[in-house]
């Protein structure tokens, strides 16, 4: 549930970009099968335009885990995360703000970007609790992460988020930025934790 008692919701990129990456890398038939198994087959014909129930994102990632091996799933989730960042850069982060961030020193650009990510965390964390600590590396966390809810991983499994953070940081802060997930609830950690360094 969200903070206001309503069912938690997440931005549609968590579904549309996964579907696009899945279709591009594994073919439209595989995408239809995975989304169908998650109960989201209708989104292939009519993609969601607004926030979606968090439960749909949980179902999609559960379906991905059941249908794909780890390497293929990681490639698709990385592609989807990069596509999400590209969407945000094209549609959500104003061009003048992007231009300013690109000329600021990396440490200052990072603080500005981190503040924006924190303000909009409700759009990707759903009912999860987002945390952020500035620095190099930047430390990000999501407690109650929808992507790995109910999962048991051998290695951190939230590459979708790591790829999104990495692309945003590479474009707006430093082309040398690297994001990695250093702890995952799917591996038994109390929260999914990410570091972005450059």
Protein backbone atom coordinates (compact mmCIF):
# COMPACT_ATOMS: atom_id res chain seq x y z
CA UNK A 1 0.00 0.00 0.00
CA UNK A 2 1.07 3.54 -0.64
CA UNK A 3 1.45 6.10 2.13
CA UNK A 4 -2.13 7.31 1.65
CA UNK A 5 -3.58 3.80 2.03
CA UNK A 6 -4.25 3.35 -1.69
CA UNK A 7 -2.68 0.45 -3.56
CA UNK A 8 0.92 1.31 -4.42
CA UNK A 9 1.61 2.32 -8.01
CA UNK A 10 4.73 2.50 -10.19
CA UNK A 11 5.41 4.37 -13.43
CA UNK A 12 4.52 2.55 -16.65
CA UNK A 13 8.15 2.34 -17.84
CA UNK A 14 8.62 -0.56 -15.44
CA UNK A 15 6.33 -2.50 -17.78
CA UNK A 16 6.56 -0.82 -21.18
CA UNK A 17 10.35 -0.75 -21.36
CA UNK A 18 10.66 -4.34 -20.14
CA UNK A 19 8.16 -5.36 -22.83
CA UNK A 20 10.09 -3.42 -25.49
CA UNK A 21 13.44 -4.91 -24.46
CA UNK A 22 11.97 -8.40 -24.26
CA UNK A 23 10.40 -8.08 -27.71
CA UNK A 24 13.61 -6.66 -29.23
CA UNK A 25 15.91 -9.29 -27.72
CA UNK A 26 13.76 -12.42 -27.53
CA UNK A 27 11.06 -11.75 -30.11
CA UNK A 28 7.44 -10.64 -29.95
CA UNK A 29 6.15 -14.18 -29.35
CA UNK A 30 8.32 -14.56 -26.24
CA UNK A 31 7.26 -11.11 -25.03
CA UNK A 32 3.60 -12.06 -25.49
CA UNK A 33 4.13 -15.30 -23.56
CA UNK A 34 5.93 -13.62 -20.64
CA UNK A 35 3.44 -10.76 -20.37
CA UNK A 36 0.56 -13.18 -20.80
CA UNK A 37 1.84 -15.35 -17.96
CA UNK A 38 1.94 -12.21 -15.79
CA UNK A 39 -1.65 -11.36 -16.76
CA UNK A 40 -0.47 -8.30 -18.70
CA UNK A 41 -0.96 -9.44 -22.28
CA UNK A 42 -3.34 -6.58 -23.04
CA UNK A 43 -0.46 -4.12 -22.60
CA UNK A 44 1.14 -5.38 -25.81
CA UNK A 45 -1.79 -3.92 -27.75
CA UNK A 46 -2.49 -0.96 -25.50
CA UNK A 47 0.52 0.02 -23.36
CA UNK A 48 -0.26 1.72 -20.05
CA UNK A 49 -0.09 5.51 -20.25
CA UNK A 50 -0.22 6.19 -16.52
CA UNK A 51 0.90 4.72 -13.24
CA UNK A 52 0.30 0.98 -12.90
CA UNK A 53 -0.43 -1.12 -9.81
CA UNK A 54 2.78 -2.24 -8.15
CA UNK A 55 1.37 -5.78 -8.18
CA UNK A 56 1.63 -5.79 -12.00
CA UNK A 57 5.35 -4.98 -11.84
CA UNK A 58 5.84 -7.73 -9.25
CA UNK A 59 3.95 -10.17 -11.52
CA UNK A 60 6.01 -9.21 -14.59
CA UNK A 61 9.33 -9.78 -12.85
CA UNK A 62 8.09 -13.07 -11.39
CA UNK A 63 7.13 -14.14 -14.93
CA UNK A 64 10.54 -13.03 -16.26
CA UNK A 65 12.30 -15.14 -13.63
CA UNK A 66 10.19 -18.19 -14.50
CA UNK A 67 10.63 -17.87 -18.27
CA UNK A 68 14.24 -16.75 -18.75
CA UNK A 69 17.63 -17.92 -17.60
CA UNK A 70 19.71 -15.53 -15.52
CA UNK A 71 21.92 -14.24 -18.33
CA UNK A 72 19.05 -13.52 -20.72
CA UNK A 73 16.96 -11.94 -17.96
CA UNK A 74 19.87 -9.71 -16.93
CA UNK A 75 20.44 -8.56 -20.52
CA UNK A 76 16.75 -7.73 -20.94
CA UNK A 77 16.50 -5.92 -17.62
CA UNK A 78 19.67 -3.92 -18.38
CA UNK A 79 18.27 -2.95 -21.78
CA UNK A 80 14.93 -2.02 -20.16
CA UNK A 81 16.68 0.11 -17.54
CA UNK A 82 18.66 1.95 -20.21
CA UNK A 83 15.49 2.48 -22.22
CA UNK A 84 13.80 3.87 -19.11
CA UNK A 85 16.63 6.34 -18.54
CA UNK A 86 16.51 7.36 -22.20
CA UNK A 87 12.75 7.95 -21.87
CA UNK A 88 13.32 10.11 -18.79
CA UNK A 89 16.02 12.09 -20.58
CA UNK A 90 13.78 12.63 -23.61
CA UNK A 91 10.53 13.35 -21.79
CA UNK A 92 10.92 14.14 -18.09
CA UNK A 93 14.17 16.01 -17.46
CA UNK A 94 14.02 19.45 -19.07
CA UNK A 95 16.75 20.17 -21.63
CA UNK A 96 18.00 23.31 -19.83
CA UNK A 97 18.42 21.27 -16.63
CA UNK A 98 20.33 18.59 -18.54
CA UNK A 99 22.58 21.23 -20.12
CA UNK A 100 23.31 22.73 -16.69
CA UNK A 101 24.10 19.36 -15.10
CA UNK A 102 26.54 18.51 -17.88
CA UNK A 103 28.67 21.60 -17.21
CA UNK A 104 28.65 21.43 -13.41
CA UNK A 105 31.44 19.65 -11.56
CA UNK A 106 30.48 15.98 -11.23
CA UNK A 107 30.06 16.11 -7.45
CA UNK A 108 27.62 19.03 -7.69
CA UNK A 109 25.76 17.58 -10.69
CA UNK A 110 25.40 14.34 -8.73
CA UNK A 111 23.84 16.14 -5.76
CA UNK A 112 21.32 17.91 -8.01
CA UNK A 113 20.45 14.69 -9.84
CA UNK A 114 20.22 12.76 -6.58
CA UNK A 115 17.79 15.32 -5.16
CA UNK A 116 15.60 14.95 -8.27
CA UNK A 117 15.70 11.14 -8.09
CA UNK A 118 14.75 11.28 -4.40
CA UNK A 119 11.81 13.64 -5.08
CA UNK A 120 10.45 11.29 -7.73
CA UNK A 121 11.26 7.98 -6.03
CA UNK A 122 7.55 7.34 -5.48
CA UNK A 123 7.25 6.79 -9.24
CA UNK A 124 9.61 3.79 -9.25
CA UNK A 125 9.80 2.48 -5.69
CA UNK A 126 6.05 2.00 -5.19
CA UNK A 127 5.46 0.92 -1.60
CA UNK A 128 9.21 0.53 -1.09
CA UNK A 129 11.20 3.02 0.94
CA UNK A 130 13.90 4.84 -1.03
CA UNK A 131 17.05 6.18 0.56
CA UNK A 132 20.00 8.12 -0.86
CA UNK A 133 23.35 9.31 0.44
CA UNK A 134 25.47 11.68 -1.65
CA UNK A 135 29.16 11.10 -2.24
CA UNK A 136 31.37 9.16 -4.60
CA UNK A 137 30.06 6.55 -4.63
CA UNK A 138 26.45 7.65 -4.29
CA UNK A 139 24.56 5.14 -2.17
CA UNK A 140 20.95 4.35 -3.03
CA UNK A 141 18.60 1.87 -1.40
CA UNK A 142 15.09 0.50 -1.81
CA UNK A 143 13.63 -1.35 1.14
CA UNK A 144 10.66 -3.44 0.05
CA UNK A 145 11.78 -3.61 -3.60
CA UNK A 146 9.03 -4.73 -5.99
CA UNK A 147 11.45 -6.21 -8.54
CA UNK A 148 12.63 -9.01 -6.27
CA UNK A 149 9.60 -9.49 -4.06
CA UNK A 150 9.19 -13.18 -3.34
CA UNK A 151 12.43 -14.05 -5.17
CA UNK A 152 15.49 -15.97 -4.05
CA UNK A 153 18.63 -15.03 -6.01
CA UNK A 154 22.19 -16.32 -5.94
CA UNK A 155 23.41 -12.85 -6.94
CA UNK A 156 21.80 -9.38 -6.83
CA UNK A 157 18.91 -9.26 -9.29
CA UNK A 158 17.76 -5.66 -9.67
CA UNK A 159 19.81 -4.80 -12.74
CA UNK A 160 16.84 -2.80 -14.12
CA UNK A 161 17.33 -0.15 -11.44
CA UNK A 162 21.14 -0.27 -11.62
CA UNK A 163 21.03 0.24 -15.41
CA UNK A 164 18.61 3.16 -15.10
CA UNK A 165 20.77 4.89 -12.48
CA UNK A 166 23.94 4.22 -14.50
CA UNK A 167 22.60 5.67 -17.75
CA UNK A 168 21.30 8.80 -16.01
CA UNK A 169 24.63 9.33 -14.27
CA UNK A 170 26.67 8.65 -17.42
CA UNK A 171 24.70 11.20 -19.43
CA UNK A 172 24.24 13.89 -16.76
CA UNK A 173 27.16 13.53 -14.32
CA UNK A 174 30.13 11.60 -15.75
CA UNK A 175 30.60 9.31 -18.76
CA UNK A 176 32.71 7.11 -16.45
CA UNK A 177 29.84 6.43 -14.04
CA UNK A 178 29.30 2.80 -13.07
CA UNK A 179 26.29 1.62 -11.06
CA UNK A 180 26.15 -1.73 -9.33
CA UNK A 181 23.83 -3.44 -6.91
CA UNK A 182 25.85 -4.32 -3.81
CA UNK A 183 23.05 -5.97 -1.77
CA UNK A 184 19.68 -7.42 -2.73
CA UNK A 185 16.58 -8.41 -0.80
CA UNK A 186 16.36 -11.37 -3.18
CA UNK A 187 19.63 -12.59 -1.63
CA UNK A 188 18.39 -12.06 1.93
CA UNK A 189 19.59 -8.47 2.50
CA UNK A 190 17.29 -6.09 4.38
CA UNK A 191 17.20 -3.74 1.37
CA UNK A 192 18.37 -3.54 -2.22
CA UNK A 193 21.41 -1.26 -2.19
CA UNK A 194 23.15 0.37 -5.13
CA UNK A 195 26.37 2.34 -5.52
CA UNK A 196 27.12 4.74 -8.35
CA UNK A 197 30.78 5.77 -8.70
CA UNK A 198 32.76 7.71 -11.32
